[in-house]
């Protein structure tokens, strides 16, 4: 395997395993690009991203431009004289001069089986939609939104236990493993880019806090998938007596009634179709607890209407 001179462009913890894998494979990381430090925690102290922090711990030069659209940033990138740039959940648009600068172009690790779920939140949208599988696609980047030709893809099943967090972790590790093979194949010419099919394109819209509110008029099966998909963020919730109660786990149950009505003493809630038994709930400022423990201190008797 040839030792390549790379830039790594990523921001959240999802991206870190790929950076670790490239370092372990012996590639030269000329620079790491990440989103600028942002306020975090109670003190709103400026905090570097997970990728930024890990790269600094490895003694790698970290760059945090707010944009790559200006000539100065593009010249600085071109001066790195790269073989390739690896992009994983970076968060900035790469203009054409950036895409064209490395010898082998820019390669992206995307957390879906393209062309399904292009866009910002492919992990959560796949679970929410009830997809049977998800996966990772390694693609060469172009100017479109996740539209570039594919180099490698690998699938993983979505089960009834899969959450946003568990799928995130699985795909993060998978991407780290796959990128090393993809770069080797791209460099040697043994891996040929394949255009994405025109059929089957879907877009994964960015998650919002507002859509995490449980709409009891929806089918129970849809709400159960939402709860798993939005774990840990933004976290599905319902409102009751001015409180925002987060639902961390639920299961499908028998029962029917006016949507939002508590049907029994086990916190089974009527939905638009079927019912949902809430298994793990968290009140504001308190630890998450099993439903029976919650009900001992926070009664939600049969007939209660949840907001």
Protein backbone atom coordinates (compact mmCIF):
# COMPACT_ATOMS: atom_id res chain seq x y z
CA UNK A 1 0.00 0.00 0.00
CA UNK A 2 1.31 3.41 -0.99
CA UNK A 3 1.66 6.01 1.74
CA UNK A 4 -0.57 8.89 0.68
CA UNK A 5 -0.42 12.53 1.66
CA UNK A 6 -3.91 13.39 2.91
CA UNK A 7 -6.04 16.13 4.38
CA UNK A 8 -8.75 14.95 6.74
CA UNK A 9 -11.92 17.03 6.95
CA UNK A 10 -14.40 16.18 9.72
CA UNK A 11 -15.99 17.52 12.87
CA UNK A 12 -18.11 15.26 15.17
CA UNK A 13 -17.21 12.08 17.04
CA UNK A 14 -18.60 10.06 14.10
CA UNK A 15 -15.53 11.13 12.09
CA UNK A 16 -12.81 10.20 14.59
CA UNK A 17 -12.54 6.43 13.84
CA UNK A 18 -11.77 7.22 10.19
CA UNK A 19 -8.98 9.58 11.19
CA UNK A 20 -7.59 6.95 13.57
CA UNK A 21 -7.73 4.31 10.82
CA UNK A 22 -5.83 6.50 8.34
CA UNK A 23 -3.12 7.22 10.89
CA UNK A 24 -2.87 3.52 11.81
CA UNK A 25 -2.55 2.62 8.10
CA UNK A 26 0.53 4.81 7.87
CA UNK A 27 -0.82 7.61 5.71
CA UNK A 28 0.58 11.11 6.12
CA UNK A 29 -2.03 13.53 7.46
CA UNK A 30 -0.78 16.87 6.21
CA UNK A 31 -3.61 18.81 7.89
CA UNK A 32 -6.95 18.32 9.55
CA UNK A 33 -9.84 20.65 8.77
CA UNK A 34 -12.67 20.96 11.29
CA UNK A 35 -15.45 23.34 12.27
CA UNK A 36 -14.31 26.21 14.52
CA UNK A 37 -14.53 25.70 18.32
CA UNK A 38 -17.99 26.45 19.68
CA UNK A 39 -19.41 27.36 23.09
CA UNK A 40 -20.31 24.28 25.14
CA UNK A 41 -21.34 23.38 28.69
CA UNK A 42 -22.72 25.60 31.41
CA UNK A 43 -19.89 28.09 31.11
CA UNK A 44 -20.25 28.29 27.30
CA UNK A 45 -16.50 27.85 27.02
CA UNK A 46 -15.16 27.61 23.46
CA UNK A 47 -14.59 23.89 22.90
CA UNK A 48 -12.82 22.24 19.96
CA UNK A 49 -14.70 19.59 17.99
CA UNK A 50 -13.95 15.88 18.68
CA UNK A 51 -11.90 15.68 15.46
CA UNK A 52 -10.01 18.86 16.34
CA UNK A 53 -9.20 17.58 19.83
CA UNK A 54 -8.03 14.17 18.62
CA UNK A 55 -5.88 15.62 15.82
CA UNK A 56 -4.18 18.00 18.26
CA UNK A 57 -3.48 15.07 20.60
CA UNK A 58 -1.64 13.43 17.68
CA UNK A 59 0.37 16.55 16.88
CA UNK A 60 -1.41 17.19 13.57
CA UNK A 61 -1.89 20.69 12.19
CA UNK A 62 -5.58 21.69 12.61
CA UNK A 63 -7.27 24.36 10.51
CA UNK A 64 -10.72 25.77 11.32
CA UNK A 65 -11.76 28.17 8.54
CA UNK A 66 -15.32 29.47 8.65
CA UNK A 67 -15.52 29.11 4.87
CA UNK A 68 -13.55 27.58 2.01
CA UNK A 69 -15.03 29.88 -0.62
CA UNK A 70 -12.35 32.58 -0.43
CA UNK A 71 -9.15 32.59 -2.49
CA UNK A 72 -6.88 32.59 0.56
CA UNK A 73 -8.35 29.41 2.03
CA UNK A 74 -8.28 27.72 -1.37
CA UNK A 75 -4.65 28.65 -1.95
CA UNK A 76 -3.68 27.34 1.49
CA UNK A 77 -5.43 24.04 0.72
CA UNK A 78 -3.81 23.70 -2.72
CA UNK A 79 -0.38 24.40 -1.17
CA UNK A 80 -0.68 21.17 0.84
CA UNK A 81 0.04 19.29 -2.40
CA UNK A 82 -2.28 16.43 -1.47
CA UNK A 83 -2.86 13.02 -2.97
CA UNK A 84 -6.42 13.02 -1.59
CA UNK A 85 -8.74 14.64 0.95
CA UNK A 86 -10.99 12.44 3.11
CA UNK A 87 -14.24 14.11 4.17
CA UNK A 88 -16.48 12.77 6.96
CA UNK A 89 -19.32 14.91 8.35
CA UNK A 90 -17.24 18.07 7.97
CA UNK A 91 -20.08 20.59 7.78
CA UNK A 92 -18.75 23.02 5.15
CA UNK A 93 -19.49 23.11 1.43
CA UNK A 94 -16.41 22.27 -0.65
CA UNK A 95 -16.24 24.55 -3.72
CA UNK A 96 -14.79 23.26 -6.99
CA UNK A 97 -11.23 24.59 -6.43
CA UNK A 98 -11.07 22.55 -3.21
CA UNK A 99 -12.57 19.44 -4.85
CA UNK A 100 -10.09 19.64 -7.72
CA UNK A 101 -6.92 20.39 -5.74
CA UNK A 102 -5.83 16.89 -4.58
CA UNK A 103 -4.39 14.48 -7.16
CA UNK A 104 -7.14 11.91 -6.48
CA UNK A 105 -9.82 14.45 -5.59
CA UNK A 106 -11.91 14.43 -2.42
CA UNK A 107 -13.45 11.23 -1.04
CA UNK A 108 -16.45 11.20 1.30
CA UNK A 109 -17.60 8.65 3.87
CA UNK A 110 -21.41 8.84 3.85
CA UNK A 111 -23.59 7.02 6.40
CA UNK A 112 -26.18 5.54 4.03
CA UNK A 113 -26.54 3.26 1.04
CA UNK A 114 -26.59 5.89 -1.65
CA UNK A 115 -28.56 7.19 -3.44
CA UNK A 116 -30.97 6.63 -0.53
CA UNK A 117 -30.69 9.25 2.20
CA UNK A 118 -28.45 11.89 0.74
CA UNK A 119 -28.14 14.83 3.09
CA UNK A 120 -27.76 15.73 6.74
CA UNK A 121 -29.36 13.01 8.89
CA UNK A 122 -29.17 9.67 7.04
CA UNK A 123 -28.74 7.52 10.17
CA UNK A 124 -31.89 8.72 11.93
CA UNK A 125 -34.03 8.93 8.79
CA UNK A 126 -33.29 5.31 7.84
CA UNK A 127 -34.53 4.05 11.23
CA UNK A 128 -37.50 6.44 11.27
CA UNK A 129 -38.62 5.27 7.82
CA UNK A 130 -38.50 1.60 8.80
CA UNK A 131 -35.67 0.69 6.40
CA UNK A 132 -34.45 -2.92 6.67
CA UNK A 133 -30.82 -1.86 6.32
CA UNK A 134 -28.41 1.04 6.33
CA UNK A 135 -24.71 1.19 5.60
CA UNK A 136 -21.75 3.24 4.46
CA UNK A 137 -20.93 4.48 0.97
CA UNK A 138 -17.48 5.75 0.06
CA UNK A 139 -17.81 8.14 -2.86
CA UNK A 140 -15.80 10.60 -4.88
CA UNK A 141 -17.16 14.06 -4.25
CA UNK A 142 -18.58 16.41 -6.86
CA UNK A 143 -20.37 19.75 -6.49
CA UNK A 144 -23.76 18.15 -5.78
CA UNK A 145 -25.23 17.07 -2.45
CA UNK A 146 -23.90 13.51 -1.99
CA UNK A 147 -24.25 12.87 -5.73
CA UNK A 148 -20.71 11.73 -6.59
CA UNK A 149 -19.75 8.33 -8.05
CA UNK A 150 -19.43 5.44 -5.59
CA UNK A 151 -16.24 3.54 -4.80
CA UNK A 152 -17.38 1.14 -2.08
CA UNK A 153 -20.55 0.37 -0.12
CA UNK A 154 -21.34 -2.01 2.69
CA UNK A 155 -24.67 -2.73 4.38
CA UNK A 156 -25.70 -3.41 7.97
CA UNK A 157 -29.20 -4.57 9.07
CA UNK A 158 -31.55 -2.31 11.01
CA UNK A 159 -33.28 -4.42 13.66
CA UNK A 160 -36.10 -3.79 16.12
CA UNK A 161 -33.41 -2.87 18.68
CA UNK A 162 -31.44 -0.43 16.52
CA UNK A 163 -31.24 3.13 17.86
CA UNK A 164 -29.77 6.28 16.43
CA UNK A 165 -26.80 5.85 18.76
CA UNK A 166 -26.14 2.19 18.02
CA UNK A 167 -26.34 2.69 14.25
CA UNK A 168 -24.15 5.80 14.51
CA UNK A 169 -21.46 3.80 16.29
CA UNK A 170 -21.64 0.85 13.89
CA UNK A 171 -21.41 3.01 10.78
CA UNK A 172 -18.66 5.17 12.26
CA UNK A 173 -16.46 2.10 12.82
CA UNK A 174 -17.41 0.66 9.42
CA UNK A 175 -16.42 3.86 7.64
CA UNK A 176 -13.03 3.85 9.33
CA UNK A 177 -12.39 0.32 8.14
CA UNK A 178 -13.65 0.91 4.60
CA UNK A 179 -11.79 4.15 3.85
CA UNK A 180 -8.36 2.51 4.00
CA UNK A 181 -9.33 -0.07 1.37
CA UNK A 182 -11.06 2.57 -0.76
CA UNK A 183 -7.98 4.82 -0.88
CA UNK A 184 -5.74 1.90 -1.78
CA UNK A 185 -8.06 0.85 -4.61
CA UNK A 186 -8.46 4.41 -5.87
CA UNK A 187 -4.69 4.99 -5.88
CA UNK A 188 -3.84 1.73 -7.66
CA UNK A 189 -6.74 1.97 -10.10
CA UNK A 190 -8.22 -1.36 -8.98
CA UNK A 191 -11.34 0.41 -7.71
CA UNK A 192 -13.42 2.10 -10.40
CA UNK A 193 -16.00 4.77 -9.50
CA UNK A 194 -19.59 3.81 -10.36
CA UNK A 195 -22.26 6.44 -10.99
CA UNK A 196 -25.13 6.45 -8.51
CA UNK A 197 -28.40 5.05 -9.88
CA UNK A 198 -30.99 7.65 -10.81
CA UNK A 199 -33.77 5.63 -9.16
CA UNK A 200 -34.20 5.50 -5.39
CA UNK A 201 -32.95 8.97 -4.48
CA UNK A 202 -34.20 10.26 -1.11
CA UNK A 203 -33.06 13.15 1.07
CA UNK A 204 -32.44 13.05 4.81
CA UNK A 205 -33.54 16.41 6.15
CA UNK A 206 -31.70 17.89 9.10
CA UNK A 207 -33.15 16.95 12.50
CA UNK A 208 -35.00 19.59 14.51
CA UNK A 209 -36.06 19.71 18.16
CA UNK A 210 -39.62 20.51 17.14
CA UNK A 211 -40.21 17.25 15.26
CA UNK A 212 -39.21 15.24 18.36
CA UNK A 213 -42.62 15.96 19.94
CA UNK A 214 -44.61 12.70 19.91
CA UNK A 215 -47.75 13.13 17.82
CA UNK A 216 -50.13 10.58 19.29
CA UNK A 217 -52.35 10.73 16.20
CA UNK A 218 -49.64 8.88 14.26
CA UNK A 219 -49.52 5.05 14.20
CA UNK A 220 -47.80 3.44 17.20
CA UNK A 221 -45.28 1.68 14.93
CA UNK A 222 -44.18 5.02 13.48
CA UNK A 223 -43.75 6.57 16.93
CA UNK A 224 -41.77 3.57 18.20
CA UNK A 225 -39.32 3.98 15.29
CA UNK A 226 -39.11 7.72 15.96
CA UNK A 227 -38.17 7.08 19.59
CA UNK A 228 -35.34 4.77 18.55
CA UNK A 229 -34.19 7.01 15.70
CA UNK A 230 -34.04 10.16 17.85
CA UNK A 231 -32.01 8.49 20.62
CA UNK A 232 -29.93 10.29 21.87
CA UNK A 233 -30.71 13.52 19.97
CA UNK A 234 -33.07 15.29 19.71
CA UNK A 235 -34.86 12.78 21.99
CA UNK A 236 -38.59 12.13 21.55
CA UNK A 237 -40.85 13.72 24.16
CA UNK A 238 -44.42 14.48 25.20
CA UNK A 239 -45.85 17.32 27.27
CA UNK A 240 -47.86 16.95 30.47
CA UNK A 241 -48.86 19.69 32.91
CA UNK A 242 -46.18 21.99 31.58
CA UNK A 243 -43.42 19.38 31.78
CA UNK A 244 -41.46 17.98 28.84
CA UNK A 245 -41.01 14.25 29.44
CA UNK A 246 -38.49 12.47 27.25
CA UNK A 247 -39.29 8.90 26.13
CA UNK A 248 -36.16 6.80 25.80
CA UNK A 249 -37.71 3.41 25.12
CA UNK A 250 -41.14 2.08 24.16
CA UNK A 251 -42.76 -1.00 22.69
CA UNK A 252 -45.85 -1.73 20.62
CA UNK A 253 -48.86 -2.82 22.67
CA UNK A 254 -52.48 -3.85 22.21
CA UNK A 255 -55.14 -1.25 22.81
CA UNK A 256 -57.07 1.57 21.22
CA UNK A 257 -58.71 4.81 22.20
CA UNK A 258 -58.53 8.54 21.70
CA UNK A 259 -54.90 9.29 20.70
CA UNK A 260 -52.84 10.38 23.70
CA UNK A 261 -55.02 8.61 26.28
CA UNK A 262 -53.31 6.48 28.94
CA UNK A 263 -55.05 3.09 28.66
CA UNK A 264 -53.82 1.22 31.76
CA UNK A 265 -51.58 1.32 34.83
CA UNK A 266 -48.52 0.29 32.76
CA UNK A 267 -48.32 3.57 30.82
CA UNK A 268 -49.77 2.26 27.56
CA UNK A 269 -50.83 5.17 25.36
CA UNK A 270 -53.40 5.08 22.56
CA UNK A 271 -52.11 6.20 19.17
CA UNK A 272 -53.67 6.90 15.78
CA UNK A 273 -53.35 3.19 15.09
CA UNK A 274 -52.52 0.76 17.89
CA UNK A 275 -50.91 1.68 21.18
CA UNK A 276 -47.48 2.31 22.61
CA UNK A 277 -46.23 1.20 26.02
CA UNK A 278 -43.69 3.67 27.40
CA UNK A 279 -40.87 1.74 29.08
CA UNK A 280 -38.26 4.34 30.00
CA UNK A 281 -39.02 8.01 30.63
CA UNK A 282 -37.05 11.02 31.86
CA UNK A 283 -38.45 14.10 33.57
CA UNK A 284 -36.63 17.43 33.23
CA UNK A 285 -33.54 17.62 35.43
CA UNK A 286 -33.95 14.05 36.67
CA UNK A 287 -32.44 10.68 35.85
CA UNK A 288 -34.15 8.43 33.32
CA UNK A 289 -36.25 5.71 34.97
CA UNK A 290 -38.37 2.71 34.15
CA UNK A 291 -42.08 3.45 33.77
CA UNK A 292 -43.13 1.71 37.00
CA UNK A 293 -40.61 3.76 39.00
CA UNK A 294 -41.77 6.97 37.31
CA UNK A 295 -45.42 6.28 38.08
CA UNK A 296 -44.75 5.81 41.80
CA UNK A 297 -43.74 9.45 42.07
CA UNK A 298 -45.50 10.95 39.08
CA UNK A 299 -48.98 9.47 38.66
CA UNK A 300 -50.36 9.14 35.14
CA UNK A 301 -53.51 7.12 35.83
CA UNK A 302 -55.70 5.42 33.28
CA UNK A 303 -57.71 8.02 31.37
CA UNK A 304 -55.03 10.72 31.54
CA UNK A 305 -54.70 12.65 28.27
CA UNK A 306 -51.07 13.34 27.34
CA UNK A 307 -50.16 16.43 25.38
